[in-house]
């Protein structure tokens, strides 16, 4: 039995996601200097980050 075409390709590694997971946003905030490990503990309501 074959897969239906609506399921898409099995390899999506080349596609860029436009939504970051929470830990990815924290990593971006660390890189730009807006997140300090000992001081920032709240992980909800994070500011928007560039997705580049």
PDB file of N, CA and C in Angstrom:
ATOM      1  N   UNK A   1       0.843  -1.175   0.000  1.00  0.00           N
ATOM      2  CA  UNK A   1       0.000   0.000   0.000  1.00  0.00           C
ATOM      3  C   UNK A   1       0.894   1.245   0.000  1.00  0.00           C
ATOM      4  N   UNK A   2       0.521   2.244  -0.770  1.00  0.00           N
ATOM      5  CA  UNK A   2       1.333   3.454  -0.855  1.00  0.00           C
ATOM      6  C   UNK A   2       0.736   4.564   0.011  1.00  0.00           C
ATOM      7  N   UNK A   3       1.577   5.559   0.281  1.00  0.00           N
ATOM      8  CA  UNK A   3       1.122   6.693   1.086  1.00  0.00           C
ATOM      9  C   UNK A   3       0.327   7.666   0.239  1.00  0.00           C
ATOM     10  N   UNK A   4      -0.617   8.331   0.860  1.00  0.00           N
ATOM     11  CA  UNK A   4      -1.401   9.347   0.177  1.00  0.00           C
ATOM     12  C   UNK A   4      -0.526  10.570  -0.065  1.00  0.00           C
ATOM     13  N   UNK A   5      -0.735  11.268  -1.175  1.00  0.00           N
ATOM     14  CA  UNK A   5       0.119  12.412  -1.521  1.00  0.00           C
ATOM     15  C   UNK A   5      -0.040  13.593  -0.563  1.00  0.00           C
ATOM     16  N   UNK A   6      -1.127  13.647   0.190  1.00  0.00           N
ATOM     17  CA  UNK A   6      -1.318  14.768   1.106  1.00  0.00           C
ATOM     18  C   UNK A   6      -0.371  14.709   2.308  1.00  0.00           C
ATOM     19  N   UNK A   7       0.268  13.568   2.549  1.00  0.00           N
ATOM     20  CA  UNK A   7       1.206  13.458   3.665  1.00  0.00           C
ATOM     21  C   UNK A   7       2.537  14.132   3.367  1.00  0.00           C
ATOM     22  N   UNK A   8       2.834  14.428   2.137  1.00  0.00           N
ATOM     23  CA  UNK A   8       4.048  15.151   1.792  1.00  0.00           C
ATOM     24  C   UNK A   8       5.259  14.256   1.777  1.00  0.00           C
ATOM     25  N   UNK A   9       6.385  14.881   1.631  1.00  0.00           N
ATOM     26  CA  UNK A   9       7.659  14.158   1.569  1.00  0.00           C
ATOM     27  C   UNK A   9       8.059  13.682   2.957  1.00  0.00           C
ATOM     28  N   UNK A  10       8.831  12.620   2.988  1.00  0.00           N
ATOM     29  CA  UNK A  10       9.260  12.100   4.286  1.00  0.00           C
ATOM     30  C   UNK A  10      10.460  12.868   4.829  1.00  0.00           C
ATOM     31  N   UNK A  11      11.222  13.525   3.963  1.00  0.00           N
ATOM     32  CA  UNK A  11      12.374  14.303   4.417  1.00  0.00           C
ATOM     33  C   UNK A  11      12.046  15.778   4.338  1.00  0.00           C
ATOM     34  N   UNK A  12      11.960  16.415   5.470  1.00  0.00           N
ATOM     35  CA  UNK A  12      11.668  17.855   5.527  1.00  0.00           C
ATOM     36  C   UNK A  12      12.851  18.623   6.074  1.00  0.00           C
ATOM     37  N   UNK A  13      14.061  18.083   5.928  1.00  0.00           N
ATOM     38  CA  UNK A  13      15.226  18.719   6.520  1.00  0.00           C
ATOM     39  C   UNK A  13      15.589  20.034   5.837  1.00  0.00           C
ATOM     40  N   UNK A  14      15.245  20.210   4.581  1.00  0.00           N
ATOM     41  CA  UNK A  14      15.584  21.422   3.877  1.00  0.00           C
ATOM     42  C   UNK A  14      14.630  22.569   4.138  1.00  0.00           C
ATOM     43  N   UNK A  15      13.509  22.306   4.756  1.00  0.00           N
ATOM     44  CA  UNK A  15      12.506  23.338   4.984  1.00  0.00           C
ATOM     45  C   UNK A  15      12.816  24.111   6.264  1.00  0.00           C
ATOM     46  N   UNK A  16      12.744  25.448   6.196  1.00  0.00           N
ATOM     47  CA  UNK A  16      13.030  26.283   7.354  1.00  0.00           C
ATOM     48  C   UNK A  16      11.745  26.545   8.119  1.00  0.00           C
ATOM     49  N   UNK A  17      11.787  26.310   9.428  1.00  0.00           N
ATOM     50  CA  UNK A  17      10.623  26.575  10.258  1.00  0.00           C
ATOM     51  C   UNK A  17      10.594  28.046  10.630  1.00  0.00           C
ATOM     52  N   UNK A  18       9.415  28.623  10.750  1.00  0.00           N
ATOM     53  CA  UNK A  18       9.319  30.026  11.123  1.00  0.00           C
ATOM     54  C   UNK A  18       8.880  30.208  12.576  1.00  0.00           C
ATOM     55  N   UNK A  19       8.692  29.116  13.297  1.00  0.00           N
ATOM     56  CA  UNK A  19       8.315  29.181  14.710  1.00  0.00           C
ATOM     57  C   UNK A  19       9.374  28.426  15.506  1.00  0.00           C
ATOM     58  N   UNK A  20       9.909  29.094  16.525  1.00  0.00           N
ATOM     59  CA  UNK A  20      10.944  28.475  17.352  1.00  0.00           C
ATOM     60  C   UNK A  20      10.330  27.841  18.580  1.00  0.00           C
ATOM     61  N   UNK A  21      10.931  26.763  19.030  1.00  0.00           N
ATOM     62  CA  UNK A  21      10.520  26.158  20.286  1.00  0.00           C
ATOM     63  C   UNK A  21      11.069  27.014  21.419  1.00  0.00           C
ATOM     64  N   UNK A  22      10.593  26.787  22.637  1.00  0.00           N
ATOM     65  CA  UNK A  22      10.960  27.638  23.768  1.00  0.00           C
ATOM     66  C   UNK A  22      12.466  27.600  24.041  1.00  0.00           C
ATOM     67  N   UNK A  23      13.064  26.405  24.008  1.00  0.00           N
ATOM     68  CA  UNK A  23      14.505  26.321  24.288  1.00  0.00           C
ATOM     69  C   UNK A  23      15.315  26.971  23.167  1.00  0.00           C
ATOM     70  N   UNK A  24      14.804  26.971  21.938  1.00  0.00           N
ATOM     71  CA  UNK A  24      15.505  27.639  20.847  1.00  0.00           C
ATOM     72  C   UNK A  24      15.438  29.152  21.012  1.00  0.00           C
ATOM     73  N   UNK A  25      14.306  29.658  21.507  1.00  0.00           N
ATOM     74  CA  UNK A  25      14.196  31.100  21.755  1.00  0.00           C
ATOM     75  C   UNK A  25      15.126  31.533  22.876  1.00  0.00           C
ATOM     76  N   UNK A  26      15.269  30.703  23.911  1.00  0.00           N
ATOM     77  CA  UNK A  26      16.188  31.030  25.001  1.00  0.00           C
ATOM     78  C   UNK A  26      17.620  31.064  24.475  1.00  0.00           C
ATOM     79  N   UNK A  27      17.967  30.129  23.580  1.00  0.00           N
ATOM     80  CA  UNK A  27      19.305  30.133  22.987  1.00  0.00           C
ATOM     81  C   UNK A  27      19.562  31.409  22.194  1.00  0.00           C
ATOM     82  N   UNK A  28      18.559  31.857  21.436  1.00  0.00           N
ATOM     83  CA  UNK A  28      18.701  33.102  20.663  1.00  0.00           C
ATOM     84  C   UNK A  28      18.854  34.279  21.611  1.00  0.00           C
ATOM     85  N   UNK A  29      18.066  34.298  22.694  1.00  0.00           N
ATOM     86  CA  UNK A  29      18.187  35.390  23.666  1.00  0.00           C
ATOM     87  C   UNK A  29      19.546  35.396  24.343  1.00  0.00           C
ATOM     88  N   UNK A  30      20.124  34.213  24.580  1.00  0.00           N
ATOM     89  CA  UNK A  30      21.484  34.144  25.143  1.00  0.00           C
ATOM     90  C   UNK A  30      22.495  34.754  24.186  1.00  0.00           C
ATOM     91  N   UNK A  31      22.353  34.453  22.895  1.00  0.00           N
ATOM     92  CA  UNK A  31      23.310  34.950  21.902  1.00  0.00           C
ATOM     93  C   UNK A  31      23.262  36.469  21.783  1.00  0.00           C
ATOM     94  N   UNK A  32      22.070  37.059  21.898  1.00  0.00           N
ATOM     95  CA  UNK A  32      21.987  38.511  21.760  1.00  0.00           C
ATOM     96  C   UNK A  32      22.142  39.230  23.095  1.00  0.00           C
ATOM     97  N   UNK A  33      22.323  38.478  24.186  1.00  0.00           N
ATOM     98  CA  UNK A  33      22.627  39.074  25.476  1.00  0.00           C
ATOM     99  C   UNK A  33      21.441  39.488  26.309  1.00  0.00           C
ATOM    100  N   UNK A  34      20.245  39.009  26.004  1.00  0.00           N
ATOM    101  CA  UNK A  34      19.063  39.381  26.779  1.00  0.00           C
ATOM    102  C   UNK A  34      18.654  38.298  27.765  1.00  0.00           C
ATOM    103  N   UNK A  35      19.451  37.246  27.902  1.00  0.00           N
ATOM    104  CA  UNK A  35      19.120  36.154  28.824  1.00  0.00           C
ATOM    105  C   UNK A  35      20.354  35.826  29.641  1.00  0.00           C
ATOM    106  N   UNK A  36      20.232  35.913  30.959  1.00  0.00           N
ATOM    107  CA  UNK A  36      21.313  35.542  31.873  1.00  0.00           C
ATOM    108  C   UNK A  36      20.818  34.342  32.668  1.00  0.00           C
ATOM    109  N   UNK A  37      21.619  33.271  32.710  1.00  0.00           N
ATOM    110  CA  UNK A  37      21.154  32.002  33.281  1.00  0.00           C
ATOM    111  C   UNK A  37      20.702  32.096  34.730  1.00  0.00           C
ATOM    112  N   UNK A  38      21.435  32.742  35.587  1.00  0.00           N
ATOM    113  CA  UNK A  38      21.068  32.790  36.985  1.00  0.00           C
ATOM    114  C   UNK A  38      19.941  33.758  37.302  1.00  0.00           C
ATOM    115  N   UNK A  39      19.810  34.786  36.493  1.00  0.00           N
ATOM    116  CA  UNK A  39      18.868  35.853  36.784  1.00  0.00           C
ATOM    117  C   UNK A  39      17.490  35.611  36.174  1.00  0.00           C
ATOM    118  N   UNK A  40      17.440  35.126  34.937  1.00  0.00           N
ATOM    119  CA  UNK A  40      16.169  34.903  34.251  1.00  0.00           C
ATOM    120  C   UNK A  40      15.688  33.477  34.510  1.00  0.00           C
ATOM    121  N   UNK A  41      14.542  33.355  35.147  1.00  0.00           N
ATOM    122  CA  UNK A  41      13.989  32.025  35.413  1.00  0.00           C
ATOM    123  C   UNK A  41      12.622  31.846  34.775  1.00  0.00           C
ATOM    124  N   UNK A  42      11.977  32.914  34.395  1.00  0.00           N
ATOM    125  CA  UNK A  42      10.643  32.845  33.810  1.00  0.00           C
ATOM    126  C   UNK A  42      10.759  32.472  32.324  1.00  0.00           C
ATOM    127  N   UNK A  43      10.126  31.371  31.940  1.00  0.00           N
ATOM    128  CA  UNK A  43      10.207  30.935  30.548  1.00  0.00           C
ATOM    129  C   UNK A  43       8.890  31.129  29.804  1.00  0.00           C
ATOM    130  N   UNK A  44       7.919  31.763  30.440  1.00  0.00           N
ATOM    131  CA  UNK A  44       6.694  32.092  29.738  1.00  0.00           C
ATOM    132  C   UNK A  44       6.686  33.574  29.436  1.00  0.00           C
ATOM    133  N   UNK A  45       6.071  33.951  28.368  1.00  0.00           N
ATOM    134  CA  UNK A  45       6.025  35.362  27.988  1.00  0.00           C
ATOM    135  C   UNK A  45       7.355  35.885  27.507  1.00  0.00           C
ATOM    136  N   UNK A  46       8.113  35.065  26.805  1.00  0.00           N
ATOM    137  CA  UNK A  46       9.417  35.492  26.300  1.00  0.00           C
ATOM    138  C   UNK A  46       9.243  36.555  25.215  1.00  0.00           C
ATOM    139  N   UNK A  47      10.194  37.482  25.103  1.00  0.00           N
ATOM    140  CA  UNK A  47      10.076  38.486  24.051  1.00  0.00           C
ATOM    141  C   UNK A  47      10.278  37.852  22.683  1.00  0.00           C
ATOM    142  N   UNK A  48       9.805  38.542  21.643  1.00  0.00           N
ATOM    143  CA  UNK A  48       9.985  38.051  20.281  1.00  0.00           C
ATOM    144  C   UNK A  48      11.460  38.101  19.918  1.00  0.00           C
ATOM    145  N   UNK A  49      11.862  37.134  19.107  1.00  0.00           N
ATOM    146  CA  UNK A  49      13.255  37.044  18.703  1.00  0.00           C
ATOM    147  C   UNK A  49      13.333  36.939  17.192  1.00  0.00           C
ATOM    148  N   UNK A  50      14.455  37.369  16.597  1.00  0.00           N
ATOM    149  CA  UNK A  50      14.620  37.157  15.156  1.00  0.00           C
ATOM    150  C   UNK A  50      14.803  35.663  14.889  1.00  0.00           C
ATOM    151  N   UNK A  51      14.194  35.167  13.820  1.00  0.00           N
ATOM    152  CA  UNK A  51      14.267  33.734  13.547  1.00  0.00           C
ATOM    153  C   UNK A  51      15.389  33.369  12.602  1.00  0.00           C
ATOM    154  N   UNK A  52      16.390  34.221  12.475  1.00  0.00           N
ATOM    155  CA  UNK A  52      17.498  33.967  11.547  1.00  0.00           C
ATOM    156  C   UNK A  52      18.521  33.074  12.131  1.00  0.00           C
TER     157      UNK A  52
END
